[in-house]
């Protein structure tokens, strides 16, 4: 296991994705945020199955920045209960993970 984490976040549209991604990268909570348009989510909400067109934001950060990243993203997010999930990175290119670590240190 490495100290790099991937944080997943869905948002309602591309403009929200771009604004949140820019803020989280600018504040050095994420080294990179990749925006994936065209996601359809199916989920339980308010006692019924919902379908929503969303945008997925995939962020890369060191493990010690995850809590701050999630807290700031939740604070800025338009949803009441945003999807914010941190996943461990088992392996990866060492130079990329070094870059992630360095960029989040500023």
N, C-alpha and C. Protein backbone atom coordinates (compact mmCIF):
# COMPACT_ATOMS: atom_id res chain seq x y z
N UNK A 1 0.85 -1.18 0.00
CA UNK A 1 0.00 0.00 0.00
C UNK A 1 0.89 1.24 0.00
N UNK A 2 0.39 2.29 -0.65
CA UNK A 2 1.12 3.56 -0.72
C UNK A 2 0.43 4.59 0.17
N UNK A 3 0.99 5.79 0.25
CA UNK A 3 0.34 6.87 1.01
C UNK A 3 -0.53 7.74 0.11
N UNK A 4 -0.72 7.32 -1.15
CA UNK A 4 -1.57 8.06 -2.08
C UNK A 4 -3.01 7.55 -1.97
N UNK A 5 -3.95 8.48 -2.06
CA UNK A 5 -5.36 8.13 -2.03
C UNK A 5 -6.07 8.73 -3.23
N UNK A 6 -7.10 8.04 -3.69
CA UNK A 6 -8.00 8.54 -4.72
C UNK A 6 -9.31 8.88 -4.01
N UNK A 7 -9.78 10.09 -4.20
CA UNK A 7 -11.03 10.52 -3.59
C UNK A 7 -12.05 10.73 -4.71
N UNK A 8 -13.19 10.06 -4.58
CA UNK A 8 -14.27 10.16 -5.55
C UNK A 8 -15.35 11.10 -5.03
N UNK A 9 -15.86 11.94 -5.93
CA UNK A 9 -16.93 12.86 -5.58
C UNK A 9 -17.83 13.03 -6.80
N UNK A 10 -19.14 12.90 -6.61
CA UNK A 10 -20.06 13.22 -7.69
C UNK A 10 -20.69 14.57 -7.41
N UNK A 11 -20.99 15.28 -8.50
CA UNK A 11 -21.60 16.61 -8.42
C UNK A 11 -22.68 16.71 -9.49
N UNK A 12 -23.55 17.73 -9.40
CA UNK A 12 -24.68 17.78 -10.32
C UNK A 12 -24.36 18.17 -11.76
N UNK A 13 -23.26 18.91 -11.99
CA UNK A 13 -22.97 19.32 -13.36
C UNK A 13 -21.51 19.73 -13.51
N UNK A 14 -21.10 19.98 -14.76
CA UNK A 14 -19.70 20.27 -15.06
C UNK A 14 -19.23 21.58 -14.44
N UNK A 15 -20.09 22.58 -14.36
CA UNK A 15 -19.65 23.85 -13.79
C UNK A 15 -19.33 23.71 -12.31
N UNK A 16 -20.12 22.94 -11.58
CA UNK A 16 -19.84 22.67 -10.17
C UNK A 16 -18.56 21.85 -10.06
N UNK A 17 -18.41 20.85 -10.92
CA UNK A 17 -17.20 20.01 -10.90
C UNK A 17 -15.95 20.87 -11.10
N UNK A 18 -15.98 21.74 -12.08
CA UNK A 18 -14.82 22.57 -12.38
C UNK A 18 -14.52 23.55 -11.25
N UNK A 19 -15.55 24.14 -10.68
CA UNK A 19 -15.34 25.09 -9.58
C UNK A 19 -14.78 24.40 -8.34
N UNK A 20 -15.36 23.26 -7.96
CA UNK A 20 -14.86 22.54 -6.79
C UNK A 20 -13.46 21.99 -7.03
N UNK A 21 -13.22 21.44 -8.21
CA UNK A 21 -11.89 20.90 -8.52
C UNK A 21 -10.85 22.01 -8.45
N UNK A 22 -11.15 23.15 -9.03
CA UNK A 22 -10.19 24.26 -9.01
C UNK A 22 -9.89 24.71 -7.58
N UNK A 23 -10.91 24.82 -6.77
CA UNK A 23 -10.72 25.25 -5.38
C UNK A 23 -9.88 24.24 -4.59
N UNK A 24 -10.17 22.96 -4.76
CA UNK A 24 -9.47 21.93 -4.00
C UNK A 24 -8.02 21.75 -4.44
N UNK A 25 -7.75 21.94 -5.72
CA UNK A 25 -6.37 21.90 -6.22
C UNK A 25 -5.64 23.17 -5.81
N UNK A 26 -6.28 24.32 -5.99
CA UNK A 26 -5.66 25.60 -5.64
C UNK A 26 -5.27 25.64 -4.16
N UNK A 27 -6.09 25.06 -3.31
CA UNK A 27 -5.80 25.06 -1.88
C UNK A 27 -4.85 23.94 -1.47
N UNK A 28 -4.33 23.20 -2.46
CA UNK A 28 -3.34 22.14 -2.25
C UNK A 28 -3.87 20.95 -1.45
N UNK A 29 -5.20 20.77 -1.49
CA UNK A 29 -5.78 19.59 -0.85
C UNK A 29 -5.76 18.39 -1.79
N UNK A 30 -5.72 18.65 -3.09
CA UNK A 30 -5.59 17.61 -4.11
C UNK A 30 -4.51 18.06 -5.09
N UNK A 31 -3.72 17.12 -5.56
CA UNK A 31 -2.70 17.44 -6.56
C UNK A 31 -3.33 17.53 -7.94
N UNK A 32 -4.40 16.78 -8.14
CA UNK A 32 -5.04 16.68 -9.45
C UNK A 32 -6.50 16.31 -9.25
N UNK A 33 -7.35 16.82 -10.13
CA UNK A 33 -8.76 16.42 -10.13
C UNK A 33 -9.16 16.16 -11.58
N UNK A 34 -9.56 14.95 -11.86
CA UNK A 34 -10.02 14.58 -13.20
C UNK A 34 -11.54 14.60 -13.22
N UNK A 35 -12.10 15.23 -14.24
CA UNK A 35 -13.55 15.41 -14.33
C UNK A 35 -14.10 14.50 -15.42
N UNK A 36 -15.04 13.64 -15.03
CA UNK A 36 -15.64 12.67 -15.94
C UNK A 36 -17.11 13.02 -16.11
N UNK A 37 -17.46 13.50 -17.28
CA UNK A 37 -18.86 13.86 -17.56
C UNK A 37 -19.65 12.63 -18.00
N UNK A 38 -20.96 12.73 -17.91
CA UNK A 38 -21.82 11.69 -18.44
C UNK A 38 -22.05 10.51 -17.53
N UNK A 39 -22.00 10.72 -16.22
CA UNK A 39 -22.24 9.65 -15.26
C UNK A 39 -23.73 9.64 -14.92
N UNK A 40 -24.33 8.47 -14.92
CA UNK A 40 -25.71 8.32 -14.45
C UNK A 40 -25.67 7.57 -13.13
N UNK A 41 -26.23 8.16 -12.10
CA UNK A 41 -26.26 7.54 -10.78
C UNK A 41 -27.69 7.09 -10.46
N UNK A 42 -27.80 5.92 -9.87
CA UNK A 42 -29.08 5.38 -9.41
C UNK A 42 -28.90 5.11 -7.92
N UNK A 43 -29.78 5.68 -7.09
CA UNK A 43 -29.56 5.62 -5.65
C UNK A 43 -30.87 5.83 -4.90
N UNK A 44 -30.87 5.38 -3.63
CA UNK A 44 -32.00 5.64 -2.74
C UNK A 44 -31.86 7.05 -2.18
N UNK A 45 -32.94 7.83 -2.22
CA UNK A 45 -32.95 9.14 -1.58
C UNK A 45 -34.40 9.50 -1.29
N UNK A 46 -34.66 9.87 -0.07
CA UNK A 46 -35.99 10.26 0.37
C UNK A 46 -37.03 9.17 0.07
N UNK A 47 -36.66 7.96 0.45
CA UNK A 47 -37.54 6.78 0.38
C UNK A 47 -37.93 6.33 -1.01
N UNK A 48 -37.15 6.70 -2.01
CA UNK A 48 -37.41 6.18 -3.35
C UNK A 48 -36.13 6.14 -4.18
N UNK A 49 -36.19 5.32 -5.23
CA UNK A 49 -35.05 5.21 -6.12
C UNK A 49 -35.01 6.45 -7.01
N UNK A 50 -33.84 7.07 -7.04
CA UNK A 50 -33.62 8.27 -7.85
C UNK A 50 -32.67 7.95 -9.00
N UNK A 51 -32.79 8.70 -10.07
CA UNK A 51 -31.86 8.63 -11.19
C UNK A 51 -31.38 10.05 -11.43
N UNK A 52 -30.06 10.21 -11.55
CA UNK A 52 -29.52 11.56 -11.75
C UNK A 52 -28.35 11.52 -12.72
N UNK A 53 -28.33 12.51 -13.60
CA UNK A 53 -27.15 12.73 -14.44
C UNK A 53 -26.18 13.53 -13.59
N UNK A 54 -24.97 13.02 -13.45
CA UNK A 54 -23.97 13.66 -12.60
C UNK A 54 -22.63 13.70 -13.31
N UNK A 55 -21.70 14.35 -12.65
CA UNK A 55 -20.31 14.42 -13.10
C UNK A 55 -19.46 13.85 -11.97
N UNK A 56 -18.51 13.00 -12.32
CA UNK A 56 -17.62 12.38 -11.35
C UNK A 56 -16.30 13.15 -11.32
N UNK A 57 -15.85 13.47 -10.13
CA UNK A 57 -14.55 14.11 -9.94
C UNK A 57 -13.66 13.11 -9.22
N UNK A 58 -12.51 12.80 -9.83
CA UNK A 58 -11.55 11.85 -9.27
C UNK A 58 -10.32 12.65 -8.85
N UNK A 59 -10.07 12.68 -7.54
CA UNK A 59 -8.97 13.49 -7.02
C UNK A 59 -7.88 12.60 -6.44
N UNK A 60 -6.64 13.05 -6.56
CA UNK A 60 -5.50 12.33 -6.02
C UNK A 60 -4.85 13.20 -4.95
N UNK A 61 -4.58 12.58 -3.79
CA UNK A 61 -4.04 13.31 -2.65
C UNK A 61 -3.26 12.35 -1.74
N UNK A 62 -2.35 12.87 -0.93
CA UNK A 62 -1.70 12.01 0.06
C UNK A 62 -2.68 11.65 1.19
N UNK A 63 -2.43 10.55 1.84
CA UNK A 63 -3.31 10.07 2.91
C UNK A 63 -3.51 11.12 4.00
N UNK A 64 -2.48 11.87 4.32
CA UNK A 64 -2.61 12.83 5.42
C UNK A 64 -3.39 14.09 5.04
N UNK A 65 -3.82 14.20 3.79
CA UNK A 65 -4.65 15.34 3.35
C UNK A 65 -6.11 14.95 3.14
N UNK A 66 -6.42 13.66 3.27
CA UNK A 66 -7.77 13.17 2.97
C UNK A 66 -8.84 13.84 3.84
N UNK A 67 -8.64 13.88 5.14
CA UNK A 67 -9.66 14.44 6.04
C UNK A 67 -9.93 15.91 5.71
N UNK A 68 -8.88 16.68 5.46
CA UNK A 68 -9.06 18.09 5.12
C UNK A 68 -9.74 18.24 3.76
N UNK A 69 -9.38 17.40 2.81
CA UNK A 69 -10.00 17.44 1.48
C UNK A 69 -11.49 17.14 1.57
N UNK A 70 -11.83 16.09 2.28
CA UNK A 70 -13.24 15.71 2.42
C UNK A 70 -14.02 16.80 3.15
N UNK A 71 -13.46 17.35 4.20
CA UNK A 71 -14.15 18.40 4.97
C UNK A 71 -14.40 19.63 4.10
N UNK A 72 -13.40 20.06 3.35
CA UNK A 72 -13.57 21.26 2.51
C UNK A 72 -14.53 21.00 1.37
N UNK A 73 -14.43 19.83 0.75
CA UNK A 73 -15.34 19.48 -0.35
C UNK A 73 -16.79 19.44 0.15
N UNK A 74 -17.01 18.86 1.31
CA UNK A 74 -18.37 18.79 1.87
C UNK A 74 -18.91 20.19 2.18
N UNK A 75 -18.04 21.05 2.65
CA UNK A 75 -18.43 22.43 2.97
C UNK A 75 -18.88 23.19 1.72
N UNK A 76 -18.21 22.95 0.59
CA UNK A 76 -18.50 23.66 -0.66
C UNK A 76 -19.58 22.99 -1.50
N UNK A 77 -19.86 21.74 -1.24
CA UNK A 77 -20.72 20.92 -2.10
C UNK A 77 -22.18 21.34 -2.01
N UNK A 78 -22.90 21.33 -3.14
CA UNK A 78 -24.32 21.72 -3.10
C UNK A 78 -25.27 20.64 -2.56
N UNK A 79 -24.85 19.40 -2.48
CA UNK A 79 -25.72 18.33 -1.99
C UNK A 79 -25.77 18.31 -0.46
N UNK A 80 -26.89 17.85 0.09
CA UNK A 80 -27.00 17.66 1.53
C UNK A 80 -26.06 16.56 2.03
N UNK A 81 -25.98 15.48 1.25
CA UNK A 81 -25.14 14.34 1.60
C UNK A 81 -24.29 13.97 0.37
N UNK A 82 -23.17 14.66 0.18
CA UNK A 82 -22.36 14.40 -1.02
C UNK A 82 -21.61 13.07 -0.93
N UNK A 83 -21.42 12.47 -2.09
CA UNK A 83 -20.57 11.29 -2.17
C UNK A 83 -19.12 11.75 -2.11
N UNK A 84 -18.43 11.36 -1.07
CA UNK A 84 -17.01 11.64 -0.89
C UNK A 84 -16.38 10.38 -0.32
N UNK A 85 -15.65 9.66 -1.14
CA UNK A 85 -15.08 8.38 -0.75
C UNK A 85 -13.58 8.39 -1.03
N UNK A 86 -12.78 8.02 -0.05
CA UNK A 86 -11.33 7.91 -0.22
C UNK A 86 -10.95 6.43 -0.36
N UNK A 87 -10.22 6.14 -1.40
CA UNK A 87 -9.79 4.77 -1.68
C UNK A 87 -8.27 4.69 -1.64
N UNK A 88 -7.72 3.64 -1.05
CA UNK A 88 -6.26 3.50 -1.02
C UNK A 88 -5.73 3.12 -2.40
N UNK A 89 -4.52 3.54 -2.67
CA UNK A 89 -3.82 3.16 -3.90
C UNK A 89 -2.83 2.06 -3.52
N UNK A 90 -3.04 0.88 -4.05
CA UNK A 90 -2.18 -0.25 -3.72
C UNK A 90 -0.78 -0.10 -4.30
N UNK A 91 -0.70 0.39 -5.53
CA UNK A 91 0.59 0.55 -6.20
C UNK A 91 0.43 1.59 -7.29
N UNK A 92 1.54 2.16 -7.71
CA UNK A 92 1.50 3.15 -8.78
C UNK A 92 2.92 3.58 -9.13
N UNK A 93 3.02 4.39 -10.14
CA UNK A 93 4.31 4.91 -10.57
C UNK A 93 4.87 5.79 -9.46
N UNK A 94 6.03 5.44 -8.95
CA UNK A 94 6.62 6.16 -7.82
C UNK A 94 6.77 7.65 -8.09
N UNK A 95 7.18 8.01 -9.29
CA UNK A 95 7.37 9.43 -9.59
C UNK A 95 6.04 10.19 -9.59
N UNK A 96 4.95 9.53 -9.99
CA UNK A 96 3.64 10.18 -9.93
C UNK A 96 3.21 10.39 -8.48
N UNK A 97 3.38 9.38 -7.66
CA UNK A 97 3.00 9.50 -6.26
C UNK A 97 3.87 10.52 -5.54
N UNK A 98 5.14 10.63 -5.92
CA UNK A 98 6.01 11.69 -5.37
C UNK A 98 5.48 13.06 -5.78
N UNK A 99 5.02 13.18 -7.02
CA UNK A 99 4.45 14.44 -7.51
C UNK A 99 3.19 14.81 -6.73
N UNK A 100 2.31 13.85 -6.50
CA UNK A 100 1.09 14.09 -5.72
C UNK A 100 1.46 14.63 -4.35
N UNK A 101 2.39 13.99 -3.70
CA UNK A 101 2.82 14.40 -2.36
C UNK A 101 3.41 15.82 -2.39
N UNK A 102 4.27 16.09 -3.36
CA UNK A 102 4.93 17.40 -3.45
C UNK A 102 3.92 18.51 -3.75
N UNK A 103 2.98 18.27 -4.62
CA UNK A 103 2.01 19.31 -5.00
C UNK A 103 1.05 19.64 -3.86
N UNK A 104 0.80 18.71 -3.00
CA UNK A 104 -0.10 18.98 -1.87
C UNK A 104 0.65 19.60 -0.68
N UNK A 105 1.93 19.76 -0.81
CA UNK A 105 2.71 20.43 0.22
C UNK A 105 2.89 21.91 -0.11
N UNK A 106 2.76 22.25 -1.40
CA UNK A 106 2.88 23.64 -1.84
C UNK A 106 4.28 24.10 -1.77
